[in-house]
PDB file of N, CA and C in Angstrom:
ATOM      1  N   MET A   1     106.951  89.958  90.089  1.00  0.00           N
ATOM      2  CA  MET A   1     106.125  90.381  88.786  1.00  0.00           C
ATOM      3  C   MET A   1     106.716  90.462  87.896  1.00  0.00           C
ATOM      4  N   LYS A   2     108.410  90.450  87.731  1.00  0.00           N
ATOM      5  CA  LYS A   2     109.494  89.926  86.859  1.00  0.00           C
ATOM      6  C   LYS A   2     109.355  88.662  86.083  1.00  0.00           C
ATOM      7  N   LEU A   3     108.898  87.642  87.577  1.00  0.00           N
ATOM      8  CA  LEU A   3     109.140  86.320  87.043  1.00  0.00           C
ATOM      9  C   LEU A   3     107.642  86.360  85.751  1.00  0.00           C
ATOM     10  N   ASP A   4     106.807  86.739  86.589  1.00  0.00           N
ATOM     11  CA  ASP A   4     105.359  86.617  85.759  1.00  0.00           C
ATOM     12  C   ASP A   4     105.739  87.282  84.278  1.00  0.00           C
ATOM     13  N   ALA A   5     106.061  88.564  84.631  1.00  0.00           N
ATOM     14  CA  ALA A   5     106.277  88.687  83.101  1.00  0.00           C
ATOM     15  C   ALA A   5     107.050  87.993  82.031  1.00  0.00           C
ATOM     16  N   LEU A   6     108.220  87.372  82.577  1.00  0.00           N
ATOM     17  CA  LEU A   6     109.014  86.979  81.929  1.00  0.00           C
ATOM     18  C   LEU A   6     108.380  85.246  81.270  1.00  0.00           C
ATOM     19  N   LEU A   7     107.719  84.928  81.924  1.00  0.00           N
ATOM     20  CA  LEU A   7     107.411  83.275  81.859  1.00  0.00           C
ATOM     21  C   LEU A   7     105.968  83.021  81.801  1.00  0.00           C
ATOM     22  N   GLY A   8     104.923  84.207  82.490  1.00  0.00           N
ATOM     23  CA  GLY A   8     103.611  84.176  82.461  1.00  0.00           C
ATOM     24  C   GLY A   8     102.753  84.020  81.107  1.00  0.00           C
ATOM     25  N   ASN A   9     101.856  83.675  80.630  1.00  0.00           N
ATOM     26  CA  ASN A   9     101.319  83.761  79.652  1.00  0.00           C
ATOM     27  C   ASN A   9     100.334  84.541  79.829  1.00  0.00           C
ATOM     28  N   VAL A  10      99.573  84.815  80.957  1.00  0.00           N
ATOM     29  CA  VAL A  10      98.518  85.507  81.453  1.00  0.00           C
ATOM     30  C   VAL A  10      98.980  86.879  82.196  1.00  0.00           C
ATOM     31  N   PHE A  11      98.430  88.051  82.020  1.00  0.00           N
ATOM     32  CA  PHE A  11      98.884  89.005  82.904  1.00  0.00           C
ATOM     33  C   PHE A  11      97.599  89.518  83.529  1.00  0.00           C
ATOM     34  N   LEU A  12      97.688  89.186  84.470  1.00  0.00           N
ATOM     35  CA  LEU A  12      96.273  90.124  85.154  1.00  0.00           C
ATOM     36  C   LEU A  12      96.534  90.902  86.339  1.00  0.00           C
ATOM     37  N   ILE A  13      95.549  91.756  86.594  1.00  0.00           N
ATOM     38  CA  ILE A  13      95.780  92.712  87.859  1.00  0.00           C
ATOM     39  C   ILE A  13      94.400  92.813  88.316  1.00  0.00           C
ATOM     40  N   SER A  14      94.298  92.847  89.568  1.00  0.00           N
ATOM     41  CA  SER A  14      92.469  92.655  90.186  1.00  0.00           C
ATOM     42  C   SER A  14      92.235  94.323  90.617  1.00  0.00           C
ATOM     43  N   ASP A  15      93.150  94.967  91.034  1.00  0.00           N
ATOM     44  CA  ASP A  15      93.280  96.408  91.415  1.00  0.00           C
ATOM     45  C   ASP A  15      92.522  97.155  90.339  1.00  0.00           C
ATOM     46  N   ASP A  16      92.195  98.589  90.648  1.00  0.00           N
ATOM     47  CA  ASP A  16      91.763  99.643  89.519  1.00  0.00           C
ATOM     48  C   ASP A  16      92.815 100.366  89.063  1.00  0.00           C
ATOM     49  N   PRO A  17      93.404 100.319  87.845  1.00  0.00           N
ATOM     50  CA  PRO A  17      94.556 100.746  87.729  1.00  0.00           C
ATOM     51  C   PRO A  17      94.298 102.559  87.744  1.00  0.00           C
ATOM     52  N   GLY A  18      92.783 102.830  88.113  1.00  0.00           N
ATOM     53  CA  GLY A  18      92.725 104.053  87.798  1.00  0.00           C
ATOM     54  C   GLY A  18      93.255 104.577  89.269  1.00  0.00           C
ATOM     55  N   ARG A  19      93.666 103.940  90.193  1.00  0.00           N
ATOM     56  CA  ARG A  19      93.895 104.614  91.420  1.00  0.00           C
ATOM     57  C   ARG A  19      95.295 104.204  91.629  1.00  0.00           C
ATOM     58  N   TYR A  20      96.165 104.050  90.514  1.00  0.00           N
ATOM     59  CA  TYR A  20      97.788 103.864  90.906  1.00  0.00           C
ATOM     60  C   TYR A  20      98.100 105.187  90.964  1.00  0.00           C
ATOM     61  N   THR A  21      99.334 104.873  91.914  1.00  0.00           N
ATOM     62  CA  THR A  21     100.217 105.955  91.700  1.00  0.00           C
ATOM     63  C   THR A  21     101.159 105.986  91.009  1.00  0.00           C
ATOM     64  N   ASP A  22     102.050 107.170  90.450  1.00  0.00           N
ATOM     65  CA  ASP A  22     102.863 107.329  89.449  1.00  0.00           C
ATOM     66  C   ASP A  22     104.022 106.046  89.855  1.00  0.00           C
ATOM     67  N   GLU A  23     104.770 105.729  90.635  1.00  0.00           N
ATOM     68  CA  GLU A  23     105.387 104.562  90.807  1.00  0.00           C
ATOM     69  C   GLU A  23     104.553 103.267  90.472  1.00  0.00           C
ATOM     70  N   MET A  24     103.123 103.147  90.669  1.00  0.00           N
ATOM     71  CA  MET A  24     102.610 101.712  90.047  1.00  0.00           C
ATOM     72  C   MET A  24     102.509 101.730  88.493  1.00  0.00           C
ATOM     73  N   ILE A  25     102.305 102.982  88.236  1.00  0.00           N
ATOM     74  CA  ILE A  25     102.169 102.811  87.112  1.00  0.00           C
ATOM     75  C   ILE A  25     103.439 102.556  86.292  1.00  0.00           C
ATOM     76  N   ARG A  26     104.640 103.285  86.519  1.00  0.00           N
ATOM     77  CA  ARG A  26     105.698 102.676  86.153  1.00  0.00           C
ATOM     78  C   ARG A  26     106.617 101.139  86.288  1.00  0.00           C
ATOM     79  N   LYS A  27     105.975 100.480  87.632  1.00  0.00           N
ATOM     80  CA  LYS A  27     106.275  99.394  87.433  1.00  0.00           C
ATOM     81  C   LYS A  27     105.445  98.356  86.905  1.00  0.00           C
ATOM     82  N   TYR A  28     103.931  98.600  86.381  1.00  0.00           N
ATOM     83  CA  TYR A  28     103.125  97.904  85.532  1.00  0.00           C
ATOM     84  C   TYR A  28     103.395  98.256  83.901  1.00  0.00           C
ATOM     85  N   LYS A  29     103.974  99.253  83.580  1.00  0.00           N
ATOM     86  CA  LYS A  29     104.783  99.634  82.305  1.00  0.00           C
ATOM     87  C   LYS A  29     105.591  99.042  82.209  1.00  0.00           C
ATOM     88  N   GLU A  30     106.684  98.798  83.222  1.00  0.00           N
ATOM     89  CA  GLU A  30     107.878  97.887  83.074  1.00  0.00           C
ATOM     90  C   GLU A  30     107.659  96.555  82.598  1.00  0.00           C
ATOM     91  N   ALA A  31     106.478  95.768  83.809  1.00  0.00           N
ATOM     92  CA  ALA A  31     106.525  94.638  83.562  1.00  0.00           C
ATOM     93  C   ALA A  31     105.727  94.144  82.094  1.00  0.00           C
ATOM     94  N   ARG A  32     104.921  95.116  81.673  1.00  0.00           N
ATOM     95  CA  ARG A  32     104.205  95.066  80.246  1.00  0.00           C
ATOM     96  C   ARG A  32     105.230  94.919  79.045  1.00  0.00           C
ATOM     97  N   HIS A  33     106.099  95.882  79.157  1.00  0.00           N
ATOM     98  CA  HIS A  33     107.158  96.001  78.341  1.00  0.00           C
ATOM     99  C   HIS A  33     107.985  94.527  78.331  1.00  0.00           C
ATOM    100  N   LEU A  34     108.407  93.907  79.554  1.00  0.00           N
ATOM    101  CA  LEU A  34     109.140  92.783  80.045  1.00  0.00           C
ATOM    102  C   LEU A  34     108.778  91.744  79.184  1.00  0.00           C
ATOM    103  N   SER A  35     107.165  91.781  79.402  1.00  0.00           N
ATOM    104  CA  SER A  35     106.378  90.763  79.002  1.00  0.00           C
ATOM    105  C   SER A  35     106.629  90.453  77.330  1.00  0.00           C
ATOM    106  N   GLU A  36     107.332  91.168  76.857  1.00  0.00           N
ATOM    107  CA  GLU A  36     107.841  91.153  75.275  1.00  0.00           C
ATOM    108  C   GLU A  36     108.957  90.490  75.001  1.00  0.00           C
ATOM    109  N   ALA A  37     109.511  90.181  76.206  1.00  0.00           N
ATOM    110  CA  ALA A  37     111.251  89.470  76.024  1.00  0.00           C
ATOM    111  C   ALA A  37     110.878  88.289  75.567  1.00  0.00           C
ATOM    112  N   GLU A  38     111.884  88.050  74.496  1.00  0.00           N
ATOM    113  CA  GLU A  38     112.255  86.367  74.503  1.00  0.00           C
ATOM    114  C   GLU A  38     113.059  85.632  74.942  1.00  0.00           C
ATOM    115  N   VAL A  39     112.815  84.811  75.872  1.00  0.00           N
ATOM    116  CA  VAL A  39     113.457  84.005  77.068  1.00  0.00           C
ATOM    117  C   VAL A  39     114.291  83.113  76.102  1.00  0.00           C
ATOM    118  N   LEU A  40     115.473  83.066  76.330  1.00  0.00           N
ATOM    119  CA  LEU A  40     116.608  82.405  75.920  1.00  0.00           C
ATOM    120  C   LEU A  40     117.365  81.235  76.607  1.00  0.00           C
ATOM    121  N   HIS A  41     117.132  81.529  78.057  1.00  0.00           N
ATOM    122  CA  HIS A  41     117.391  80.470  78.747  1.00  0.00           C
ATOM    123  C   HIS A  41     117.430  80.428  80.446  1.00  0.00           C
ATOM    124  N   VAL A  42     116.508  79.666  81.101  1.00  0.00           N
ATOM    125  CA  VAL A  42     116.395  79.273  82.424  1.00  0.00           C
ATOM    126  C   VAL A  42     117.420  78.471  83.070  1.00  0.00           C
ATOM    127  N   ARG A  43     117.864  79.110  84.037  1.00  0.00           N
ATOM    128  CA  ARG A  43     119.042  77.960  84.837  1.00  0.00           C
ATOM    129  C   ARG A  43     118.449  78.240  86.452  1.00  0.00           C
ATOM    130  N   ASN A  44     118.320  76.822  86.809  1.00  0.00           N
ATOM    131  CA  ASN A  44     118.250  77.115  88.094  1.00  0.00           C
ATOM    132  C   ASN A  44     118.625  76.157  89.276  1.00  0.00           C
ATOM    133  N   ASP A  45     120.316  76.218  88.902  1.00  0.00           N
ATOM    134  CA  ASP A  45     121.141  75.289  89.716  1.00  0.00           C
ATOM    135  C   ASP A  45     121.462  76.196  91.023  1.00  0.00           C
ATOM    136  N   ASN A  46     121.386  77.570  90.728  1.00  0.00           N
ATOM    137  CA  ASN A  46     121.510  78.437  92.009  1.00  0.00           C
ATOM    138  C   ASN A  46     120.764  79.141  91.970  1.00  0.00           C
ATOM    139  N   GLY A  47     119.139  79.102  92.481  1.00  0.00           N
ATOM    140  CA  GLY A  47     118.371  80.190  92.433  1.00  0.00           C
ATOM    141  C   GLY A  47     117.959  79.860  91.152  1.00  0.00           C
ATOM    142  N   ILE A  48     116.985  81.067  90.633  1.00  0.00           N
ATOM    143  CA  ILE A  48     116.468  81.253  89.450  1.00  0.00           C
ATOM    144  C   ILE A  48     117.081  82.092  88.222  1.00  0.00           C
ATOM    145  N   ALA A  49     117.881  82.017  87.657  1.00  0.00           N
ATOM    146  CA  ALA A  49     118.324  82.904  86.507  1.00  0.00           C
ATOM    147  C   ALA A  49     117.965  82.623  85.069  1.00  0.00           C
ATOM    148  N   ILE A  50     117.219  84.118  84.302  1.00  0.00           N
ATOM    149  CA  ILE A  50     116.687  83.996  83.137  1.00  0.00           C
ATOM    150  C   ILE A  50     117.517  84.798  82.286  1.00  0.00           C
ATOM    151  N   GLU A  51     117.925  84.344  81.039  1.00  0.00           N
ATOM    152  CA  GLU A  51     118.719  85.004  80.065  1.00  0.00           C
ATOM    153  C   GLU A  51     117.178  85.142  79.103  1.00  0.00           C
ATOM    154  N   TYR A  52     117.390  86.618  78.631  1.00  0.00           N
ATOM    155  CA  TYR A  52     116.390  86.932  77.824  1.00  0.00           C
ATOM    156  C   TYR A  52     117.141  88.170  76.637  1.00  0.00           C
ATOM    157  N   GLU A  53     116.062  88.252  75.654  1.00  0.00           N
ATOM    158  CA  GLU A  53     116.454  89.457  74.966  1.00  0.00           C
ATOM    159  C   GLU A  53     115.369  90.432  74.688  1.00  0.00           C
ATOM    160  N   LEU A  54     115.157  91.778  74.725  1.00  0.00           N
ATOM    161  CA  LEU A  54     114.382  92.531  74.778  1.00  0.00           C
ATOM    162  C   LEU A  54     115.095  93.465  74.004  1.00  0.00           C
ATOM    163  N   ASP A  55     114.301  94.651  72.739  1.00  0.00           N
ATOM    164  CA  ASP A  55     114.533  95.591  72.395  1.00  0.00           C
ATOM    165  C   ASP A  55     115.930  95.216  71.607  1.00  0.00           C
ATOM    166  N   GLY A  56     116.648  94.004  71.084  1.00  0.00           N
ATOM    167  CA  GLY A  56     117.369  93.688  70.670  1.00  0.00           C
ATOM    168  C   GLY A  56     118.771  93.299  71.630  1.00  0.00           C
ATOM    169  N   ILE A  57     118.762  93.671  73.056  1.00  0.00           N
ATOM    170  CA  ILE A  57     119.663  93.478  73.689  1.00  0.00           C
ATOM    171  C   ILE A  57     119.597  92.524  74.601  1.00  0.00           C
ATOM    172  N   LYS A  58     120.626  91.275  74.529  1.00  0.00           N
ATOM    173  CA  LYS A  58     120.912  90.218  75.776  1.00  0.00           C
ATOM    174  C   LYS A  58     120.821  90.120  77.022  1.00  0.00           C
ATOM    175  N   ARG A  59     119.961  90.083  77.912  1.00  0.00           N
ATOM    176  CA  ARG A  59     120.337  90.364  79.598  1.00  0.00           C
ATOM    177  C   ARG A  59     119.808  89.362  80.272  1.00  0.00           C
ATOM    178  N   GLU A  60     120.430  89.343  81.483  1.00  0.00           N
ATOM    179  CA  GLU A  60     120.217  88.211  82.341  1.00  0.00           C
ATOM    180  C   GLU A  60     119.915  88.778  83.667  1.00  0.00           C
ATOM    181  N   ILE A  61     118.756  87.928  83.878  1.00  0.00           N
ATOM    182  CA  ILE A  61     118.259  88.814  85.486  1.00  0.00           C
ATOM    183  C   ILE A  61     118.317  87.293  86.563  1.00  0.00           C
ATOM    184  N   GLN A  62     118.703  87.701  87.903  1.00  0.00           N
ATOM    185  CA  GLN A  62     119.072  86.763  88.868  1.00  0.00           C
ATOM    186  C   GLN A  62     117.641  87.036  89.807  1.00  0.00           C
ATOM    187  N   LEU A  63     116.879  85.939  89.941  1.00  0.00           N
ATOM    188  CA  LEU A  63     115.549  86.442  90.964  1.00  0.00           C
ATOM    189  C   LEU A  63     115.502  85.757  91.816  1.00  0.00           C
ATOM    190  N   PHE A  64     116.115  84.454  91.877  1.00  0.00           N
ATOM    191  CA  PHE A  64     116.053  84.005  93.827  1.00  0.00           C
ATOM    192  C   PHE A  64     117.565  83.534  93.915  1.00  0.00           C
TER     193      PHE A  64
END
């Protein structure tokens, strides 16, 4: 989900959000917020690492 949120242009869900648990709602909100990040750099030399800026803070996430 994080990869899609950072690099995807479309955020789709196929299930009914009205049936989400509190944990599912939390993860959905986190992904939606992450989709607002500006991707600064992507490395794929040892898995996939994405450097991004969100809320004025630069971060890096190692996905694979």
